[in-house]
Amino acid sequence: MQKWVSVFWPSFIMSAVATAIVFMFLDPAEFARGDGPGLTNLGYYSITFLFLWATTAATTAISYFFQRPPDSFNSD
């Protein structure tokens, strides 16, 4: 359980920060006027947050994987 918390908690925090930074420069109302899917502002915020959470969780998991000692890879 601690392994999963150590992967998902930092990625949650960083995705929240990244979402705030993205929407400081982009307005979701602009997307709603375009040809994109007809989502509300909350929908755009949610999709962006979940996408950023998934990508930062993947990078955190890769970092966690490579922090293991070399003996755990090779049992020779």
PDB file of N, CA and C in Angstrom:
ATOM      1  N   MET A   1       0.821  -1.197   0.000  1.00  0.00           N
ATOM      2  CA  MET A   1       0.000   0.000   0.000  1.00  0.00           C
ATOM      3  C   MET A   1       0.863   1.258   0.000  1.00  0.00           C
ATOM      4  N   GLN A   2       1.955   1.236   0.764  1.00  0.00           N
ATOM      5  CA  GLN A   2       2.818   2.409   0.835  1.00  0.00           C
ATOM      6  C   GLN A   2       3.447   2.712  -0.522  1.00  0.00           C
ATOM      7  N   LYS A   3       3.724   1.670  -1.297  1.00  0.00           N
ATOM      8  CA  LYS A   3       4.282   1.857  -2.633  1.00  0.00           C
ATOM      9  C   LYS A   3       3.321   2.651  -3.508  1.00  0.00           C
ATOM     10  N   TRP A   4       2.041   2.287  -3.466  1.00  0.00           N
ATOM     11  CA  TRP A   4       1.058   2.978  -4.299  1.00  0.00           C
ATOM     12  C   TRP A   4       0.835   4.411  -3.839  1.00  0.00           C
ATOM     13  N   VAL A   5       0.847   4.617  -2.540  1.00  0.00           N
ATOM     14  CA  VAL A   5       0.690   5.983  -2.020  1.00  0.00           C
ATOM     15  C   VAL A   5       1.879   6.830  -2.421  1.00  0.00           C
ATOM     16  N   SER A   6       3.081   6.252  -2.381  1.00  0.00           N
ATOM     17  CA  SER A   6       4.269   7.012  -2.753  1.00  0.00           C
ATOM     18  C   SER A   6       4.317   7.305  -4.246  1.00  0.00           C
ATOM     19  N   VAL A   7       3.528   6.615  -5.044  1.00  0.00           N
ATOM     20  CA  VAL A   7       3.442   6.906  -6.474  1.00  0.00           C
ATOM     21  C   VAL A   7       2.309   7.890  -6.759  1.00  0.00           C
ATOM     22  N   PHE A   8       1.134   7.644  -6.202  1.00  0.00           N
ATOM     23  CA  PHE A   8      -0.034   8.439  -6.575  1.00  0.00           C
ATOM     24  C   PHE A   8      -0.146   9.779  -5.855  1.00  0.00           C
ATOM     25  N   TRP A   9       0.360   9.897  -4.637  1.00  0.00           N
ATOM     26  CA  TRP A   9       0.231  11.166  -3.933  1.00  0.00           C
ATOM     27  C   TRP A   9       1.075  12.268  -4.571  1.00  0.00           C
ATOM     28  N   PRO A  10       2.379  12.062  -4.855  1.00  0.00           N
ATOM     29  CA  PRO A  10       3.136  13.130  -5.519  1.00  0.00           C
ATOM     30  C   PRO A  10       2.586  13.447  -6.912  1.00  0.00           C
ATOM     31  N   SER A  11       2.112  12.431  -7.615  1.00  0.00           N
ATOM     32  CA  SER A  11       1.561  12.697  -8.941  1.00  0.00           C
ATOM     33  C   SER A  11       0.251  13.473  -8.854  1.00  0.00           C
ATOM     34  N   PHE A  12      -0.526  13.241  -7.810  1.00  0.00           N
ATOM     35  CA  PHE A  12      -1.758  14.013  -7.601  1.00  0.00           C
ATOM     36  C   PHE A  12      -1.438  15.484  -7.368  1.00  0.00           C
ATOM     37  N   ILE A  13      -0.457  15.748  -6.505  1.00  0.00           N
ATOM     38  CA  ILE A  13      -0.084  17.129  -6.197  1.00  0.00           C
ATOM     39  C   ILE A  13       0.451  17.825  -7.449  1.00  0.00           C
ATOM     40  N   MET A  14       1.333  17.161  -8.175  1.00  0.00           N
ATOM     41  CA  MET A  14       1.924  17.787  -9.364  1.00  0.00           C
ATOM     42  C   MET A  14       0.897  17.978 -10.476  1.00  0.00           C
ATOM     43  N   SER A  15      -0.049  17.081 -10.606  1.00  0.00           N
ATOM     44  CA  SER A  15      -1.070  17.270 -11.633  1.00  0.00           C
ATOM     45  C   SER A  15      -2.014  18.411 -11.266  1.00  0.00           C
ATOM     46  N   ALA A  16      -2.263  18.611  -9.987  1.00  0.00           N
ATOM     47  CA  ALA A  16      -3.073  19.760  -9.576  1.00  0.00           C
ATOM     48  C   ALA A  16      -2.352  21.063  -9.905  1.00  0.00           C
ATOM     49  N   VAL A  17      -1.061  21.122  -9.633  1.00  0.00           N
ATOM     50  CA  VAL A  17      -0.273  22.316  -9.953  1.00  0.00           C
ATOM     51  C   VAL A  17      -0.224  22.520 -11.474  1.00  0.00           C
ATOM     52  N   ALA A  18       0.017  21.445 -12.216  1.00  0.00           N
ATOM     53  CA  ALA A  18       0.098  21.555 -13.671  1.00  0.00           C
ATOM     54  C   ALA A  18      -1.242  21.980 -14.277  1.00  0.00           C
ATOM     55  N   THR A  19      -2.339  21.477 -13.740  1.00  0.00           N
ATOM     56  CA  THR A  19      -3.658  21.883 -14.223  1.00  0.00           C
ATOM     57  C   THR A  19      -3.887  23.366 -13.988  1.00  0.00           C
ATOM     58  N   ALA A  20      -3.491  23.856 -12.824  1.00  0.00           N
ATOM     59  CA  ALA A  20      -3.627  25.288 -12.539  1.00  0.00           C
ATOM     60  C   ALA A  20      -2.793  26.118 -13.511  1.00  0.00           C
ATOM     61  N   ILE A  21      -1.594  25.656 -13.807  1.00  0.00           N
ATOM     62  CA  ILE A  21      -0.734  26.395 -14.737  1.00  0.00           C
ATOM     63  C   ILE A  21      -1.306  26.365 -16.153  1.00  0.00           C
ATOM     64  N   VAL A  22      -1.808  25.219 -16.586  1.00  0.00           N
ATOM     65  CA  VAL A  22      -2.383  25.113 -17.928  1.00  0.00           C
ATOM     66  C   VAL A  22      -3.552  26.073 -18.079  1.00  0.00           C
ATOM     67  N   PHE A  23      -4.435  26.113 -17.087  1.00  0.00           N
ATOM     68  CA  PHE A  23      -5.629  26.938 -17.226  1.00  0.00           C
ATOM     69  C   PHE A  23      -5.406  28.393 -16.823  1.00  0.00           C
ATOM     70  N   MET A  24      -4.196  28.730 -16.438  1.00  0.00           N
ATOM     71  CA  MET A  24      -3.858  30.154 -16.331  1.00  0.00           C
ATOM     72  C   MET A  24      -3.694  30.748 -17.727  1.00  0.00           C
ATOM     73  N   PHE A  25      -3.314  29.902 -18.700  1.00  0.00           N
ATOM     74  CA  PHE A  25      -3.069  30.373 -20.059  1.00  0.00           C
ATOM     75  C   PHE A  25      -4.169  29.999 -21.039  1.00  0.00           C
ATOM     76  N   LEU A  26      -4.961  28.998 -20.732  1.00  0.00           N
ATOM     77  CA  LEU A  26      -6.038  28.547 -21.609  1.00  0.00           C
ATOM     78  C   LEU A  26      -7.382  28.730 -20.928  1.00  0.00           C
ATOM     79  N   ASP A  27      -8.364  29.135 -21.717  1.00  0.00           N
ATOM     80  CA  ASP A  27      -9.712  29.312 -21.193  1.00  0.00           C
ATOM     81  C   ASP A  27     -10.601  28.183 -21.719  1.00  0.00           C
ATOM     82  N   PRO A  28     -11.199  27.391 -20.831  1.00  0.00           N
ATOM     83  CA  PRO A  28     -12.037  26.288 -21.318  1.00  0.00           C
ATOM     84  C   PRO A  28     -13.236  26.756 -22.132  1.00  0.00           C
ATOM     85  N   ALA A  29     -13.677  27.978 -21.919  1.00  0.00           N
ATOM     86  CA  ALA A  29     -14.806  28.487 -22.701  1.00  0.00           C
ATOM     87  C   ALA A  29     -14.437  28.619 -24.178  1.00  0.00           C
ATOM     88  N   GLU A  30     -13.169  28.836 -24.474  1.00  0.00           N
ATOM     89  CA  GLU A  30     -12.715  28.895 -25.867  1.00  0.00           C
ATOM     90  C   GLU A  30     -12.865  27.534 -26.556  1.00  0.00           C
ATOM     91  N   PHE A  31     -12.620  26.464 -25.810  1.00  0.00           N
ATOM     92  CA  PHE A  31     -12.769  25.121 -26.375  1.00  0.00           C
ATOM     93  C   PHE A  31     -14.237  24.818 -26.653  1.00  0.00           C
ATOM     94  N   ALA A  32     -15.116  25.290 -25.797  1.00  0.00           N
ATOM     95  CA  ALA A  32     -16.542  25.012 -25.950  1.00  0.00           C
ATOM     96  C   ALA A  32     -17.099  25.670 -27.204  1.00  0.00           C
ATOM     97  N   ARG A  33     -16.527  26.812 -27.598  1.00  0.00           N
ATOM     98  CA  ARG A  33     -16.995  27.504 -28.802  1.00  0.00           C
ATOM     99  C   ARG A  33     -16.477  26.866 -30.080  1.00  0.00           C
ATOM    100  N   GLY A  34     -15.421  26.088 -29.990  1.00  0.00           N
ATOM    101  CA  GLY A  34     -14.813  25.475 -31.171  1.00  0.00           C
ATOM    102  C   GLY A  34     -15.543  24.222 -31.607  1.00  0.00           C
ATOM    103  N   ASP A  35     -14.850  23.437 -32.404  1.00  0.00           N
ATOM    104  CA  ASP A  35     -15.437  22.204 -32.941  1.00  0.00           C
ATOM    105  C   ASP A  35     -15.215  21.003 -32.030  1.00  0.00           C
ATOM    106  N   GLY A  36     -14.640  21.211 -30.878  1.00  0.00           N
ATOM    107  CA  GLY A  36     -14.361  20.115 -29.951  1.00  0.00           C
ATOM    108  C   GLY A  36     -15.626  19.574 -29.320  1.00  0.00           C
ATOM    109  N   PRO A  37     -15.461  18.612 -28.429  1.00  0.00           N
ATOM    110  CA  PRO A  37     -16.645  18.055 -27.765  1.00  0.00           C
ATOM    111  C   PRO A  37     -17.332  19.119 -26.904  1.00  0.00           C
ATOM    112  N   GLY A  38     -18.629  19.066 -26.849  1.00  0.00           N
ATOM    113  CA  GLY A  38     -19.404  20.055 -26.114  1.00  0.00           C
ATOM    114  C   GLY A  38     -19.405  19.786 -24.621  1.00  0.00           C
ATOM    115  N   LEU A  39     -18.292  20.056 -23.958  1.00  0.00           N
ATOM    116  CA  LEU A  39     -18.185  19.849 -22.522  1.00  0.00           C
ATOM    117  C   LEU A  39     -18.336  21.170 -21.783  1.00  0.00           C
ATOM    118  N   THR A  40     -18.658  21.074 -20.526  1.00  0.00           N
ATOM    119  CA  THR A  40     -18.678  22.267 -19.681  1.00  0.00           C
ATOM    120  C   THR A  40     -17.250  22.598 -19.250  1.00  0.00           C
ATOM    121  N   ASN A  41     -17.088  23.741 -18.610  1.00  0.00           N
ATOM    122  CA  ASN A  41     -15.766  24.095 -18.091  1.00  0.00           C
ATOM    123  C   ASN A  41     -15.261  23.041 -17.125  1.00  0.00           C
ATOM    124  N   LEU A  42     -16.133  22.555 -16.254  1.00  0.00           N
ATOM    125  CA  LEU A  42     -15.755  21.516 -15.300  1.00  0.00           C
ATOM    126  C   LEU A  42     -15.314  20.242 -16.013  1.00  0.00           C
ATOM    127  N   GLY A  43     -15.949  19.928 -17.124  1.00  0.00           N
ATOM    128  CA  GLY A  43     -15.557  18.765 -17.906  1.00  0.00           C
ATOM    129  C   GLY A  43     -14.142  18.895 -18.446  1.00  0.00           C
ATOM    130  N   TYR A  44     -13.816  20.083 -18.979  1.00  0.00           N
ATOM    131  CA  TYR A  44     -12.455  20.313 -19.474  1.00  0.00           C
ATOM    132  C   TYR A  44     -11.436  20.277 -18.336  1.00  0.00           C
ATOM    133  N   TYR A  45     -11.780  20.866 -17.192  1.00  0.00           N
ATOM    134  CA  TYR A  45     -10.884  20.807 -16.034  1.00  0.00           C
ATOM    135  C   TYR A  45     -10.653  19.359 -15.600  1.00  0.00           C
ATOM    136  N   SER A  46     -11.721  18.583 -15.554  1.00  0.00           N
ATOM    137  CA  SER A  46     -11.628  17.198 -15.088  1.00  0.00           C
ATOM    138  C   SER A  46     -10.799  16.332 -16.024  1.00  0.00           C
ATOM    139  N   ILE A  47     -11.054  16.442 -17.321  1.00  0.00           N
ATOM    140  CA  ILE A  47     -10.309  15.635 -18.296  1.00  0.00           C
ATOM    141  C   ILE A  47      -8.835  16.005 -18.279  1.00  0.00           C
ATOM    142  N   THR A  48      -8.543  17.291 -18.213  1.00  0.00           N
ATOM    143  CA  THR A  48      -7.149  17.726 -18.168  1.00  0.00           C
ATOM    144  C   THR A  48      -6.470  17.225 -16.908  1.00  0.00           C
ATOM    145  N   PHE A  49      -7.142  17.346 -15.761  1.00  0.00           N
ATOM    146  CA  PHE A  49      -6.555  16.877 -14.508  1.00  0.00           C
ATOM    147  C   PHE A  49      -6.296  15.382 -14.547  1.00  0.00           C
ATOM    148  N   LEU A  50      -7.263  14.595 -15.019  1.00  0.00           N
ATOM    149  CA  LEU A  50      -7.079  13.140 -15.060  1.00  0.00           C
ATOM    150  C   LEU A  50      -5.974  12.736 -16.027  1.00  0.00           C
ATOM    151  N   PHE A  51      -5.862  13.427 -17.168  1.00  0.00           N
ATOM    152  CA  PHE A  51      -4.775  13.148 -18.103  1.00  0.00           C
ATOM    153  C   PHE A  51      -3.421  13.466 -17.472  1.00  0.00           C
ATOM    154  N   LEU A  52      -3.314  14.621 -16.831  1.00  0.00           N
ATOM    155  CA  LEU A  52      -2.048  14.981 -16.198  1.00  0.00           C
ATOM    156  C   LEU A  52      -1.732  14.068 -15.020  1.00  0.00           C
ATOM    157  N   TRP A  53      -2.743  13.632 -14.295  1.00  0.00           N
ATOM    158  CA  TRP A  53      -2.514  12.710 -13.180  1.00  0.00           C
ATOM    159  C   TRP A  53      -1.989  11.373 -13.700  1.00  0.00           C
ATOM    160  N   ALA A  54      -2.566  10.889 -14.796  1.00  0.00           N
ATOM    161  CA  ALA A  54      -2.106   9.618 -15.361  1.00  0.00           C
ATOM    162  C   ALA A  54      -0.667   9.720 -15.851  1.00  0.00           C
ATOM    163  N   THR A  55      -0.328  10.813 -16.517  1.00  0.00           N
ATOM    164  CA  THR A  55       1.038  10.939 -17.033  1.00  0.00           C
ATOM    165  C   THR A  55       2.049  11.139 -15.908  1.00  0.00           C
ATOM    166  N   THR A  56       1.720  11.934 -14.900  1.00  0.00           N
ATOM    167  CA  THR A  56       2.667  12.108 -13.803  1.00  0.00           C
ATOM    168  C   THR A  56       2.749  10.848 -12.935  1.00  0.00           C
ATOM    169  N   ALA A  57       1.670  10.091 -12.830  1.00  0.00           N
ATOM    170  CA  ALA A  57       1.731   8.822 -12.104  1.00  0.00           C
ATOM    171  C   ALA A  57       2.627   7.833 -12.836  1.00  0.00           C
ATOM    172  N   ALA A  58       2.566   7.836 -14.165  1.00  0.00           N
ATOM    173  CA  ALA A  58       3.430   6.948 -14.938  1.00  0.00           C
ATOM    174  C   ALA A  58       4.903   7.314 -14.748  1.00  0.00           C
ATOM    175  N   THR A  59       5.215   8.586 -14.784  1.00  0.00           N
ATOM    176  CA  THR A  59       6.612   8.977 -14.599  1.00  0.00           C
ATOM    177  C   THR A  59       7.078   8.713 -13.172  1.00  0.00           C
ATOM    178  N   THR A  60       6.211   8.896 -12.198  1.00  0.00           N
ATOM    179  CA  THR A  60       6.571   8.597 -10.813  1.00  0.00           C
ATOM    180  C   THR A  60       6.777   7.102 -10.625  1.00  0.00           C
ATOM    181  N   ALA A  61       5.935   6.297 -11.245  1.00  0.00           N
ATOM    182  CA  ALA A  61       6.085   4.837 -11.143  1.00  0.00           C
ATOM    183  C   ALA A  61       7.381   4.373 -11.796  1.00  0.00           C
ATOM    184  N   ILE A  62       7.751   4.968 -12.916  1.00  0.00           N
ATOM    185  CA  ILE A  62       9.018   4.621 -13.562  1.00  0.00           C
ATOM    186  C   ILE A  62      10.185   4.992 -12.665  1.00  0.00           C
ATOM    187  N   SER A  63      10.120   6.154 -12.039  1.00  0.00           N
ATOM    188  CA  SER A  63      11.181   6.554 -11.113  1.00  0.00           C
ATOM    189  C   SER A  63      11.259   5.596  -9.932  1.00  0.00           C
ATOM    190  N   TYR A  64      10.115   5.194  -9.405  1.00  0.00           N
ATOM    191  CA  TYR A  64      10.084   4.244  -8.293  1.00  0.00           C
ATOM    192  C   TYR A  64      10.687   2.906  -8.721  1.00  0.00           C
ATOM    193  N   PHE A  65      10.389   2.484  -9.940  1.00  0.00           N
ATOM    194  CA  PHE A  65      10.908   1.219 -10.454  1.00  0.00           C
ATOM    195  C   PHE A  65      12.433   1.245 -10.531  1.00  0.00           C
ATOM    196  N   PHE A  66      13.000   2.345 -11.011  1.00  0.00           N
ATOM    197  CA  PHE A  66      14.443   2.427 -11.180  1.00  0.00           C
ATOM    198  C   PHE A  66      15.198   2.723  -9.890  1.00  0.00           C
ATOM    199  N   GLN A  67      14.513   2.978  -8.806  1.00  0.00           N
ATOM    200  CA  GLN A  67      15.178   3.182  -7.523  1.00  0.00           C
ATOM    201  C   GLN A  67      15.461   1.870  -6.809  1.00  0.00           C
ATOM    202  N   ARG A  68      14.980   0.780  -7.349  1.00  0.00           N
ATOM    203  CA  ARG A  68      15.230  -0.519  -6.724  1.00  0.00           C
ATOM    204  C   ARG A  68      16.709  -0.882  -6.851  1.00  0.00           C
ATOM    205  N   PRO A  69      17.232  -1.649  -5.898  1.00  0.00           N
ATOM    206  CA  PRO A  69      18.634  -2.049  -5.991  1.00  0.00           C
ATOM    207  C   PRO A  69      18.859  -3.027  -7.159  1.00  0.00           C
ATOM    208  N   PRO A  70      20.063  -3.032  -7.714  1.00  0.00           N
ATOM    209  CA  PRO A  70      20.323  -3.903  -8.875  1.00  0.00           C
ATOM    210  C   PRO A  70      20.146  -5.386  -8.563  1.00  0.00           C
ATOM    211  N   ASP A  71      20.316  -5.772  -7.305  1.00  0.00           N
ATOM    212  CA  ASP A  71      20.149  -7.188  -6.960  1.00  0.00           C
ATOM    213  C   ASP A  71      18.720  -7.680  -7.184  1.00  0.00           C
ATOM    214  N   SER A  72      17.764  -6.795  -7.150  1.00  0.00           N
ATOM    215  CA  SER A  72      16.376  -7.224  -7.368  1.00  0.00           C
ATOM    216  C   SER A  72      16.109  -7.549  -8.832  1.00  0.00           C
ATOM    217  N   PHE A  73      16.954  -7.076  -9.757  1.00  0.00           N
ATOM    218  CA  PHE A  73      16.813  -7.392 -11.167  1.00  0.00           C
ATOM    219  C   PHE A  73      17.549  -8.687 -11.535  1.00  0.00           C
ATOM    220  N   ASN A  74      18.772  -8.810 -11.061  1.00  0.00           N
ATOM    221  CA  ASN A  74      19.619  -9.963 -11.383  1.00  0.00           C
ATOM    222  C   ASN A  74      19.881 -10.773 -10.118  1.00  0.00           C
ATOM    223  N   SER A  75      19.506 -12.008 -10.178  1.00  0.00           N
ATOM    224  CA  SER A  75      19.730 -12.866  -9.015  1.00  0.00           C
ATOM    225  C   SER A  75      20.980 -13.733  -9.179  1.00  0.00           C
ATOM    226  N   ASP A  76      21.858 -13.358 -10.072  1.00  0.00           N
ATOM    227  CA  ASP A  76      23.080 -14.143 -10.306  1.00  0.00           C
ATOM    228  C   ASP A  76      24.027 -14.064  -9.158  1.00  0.00           C
TER     229      ASP A  76
END
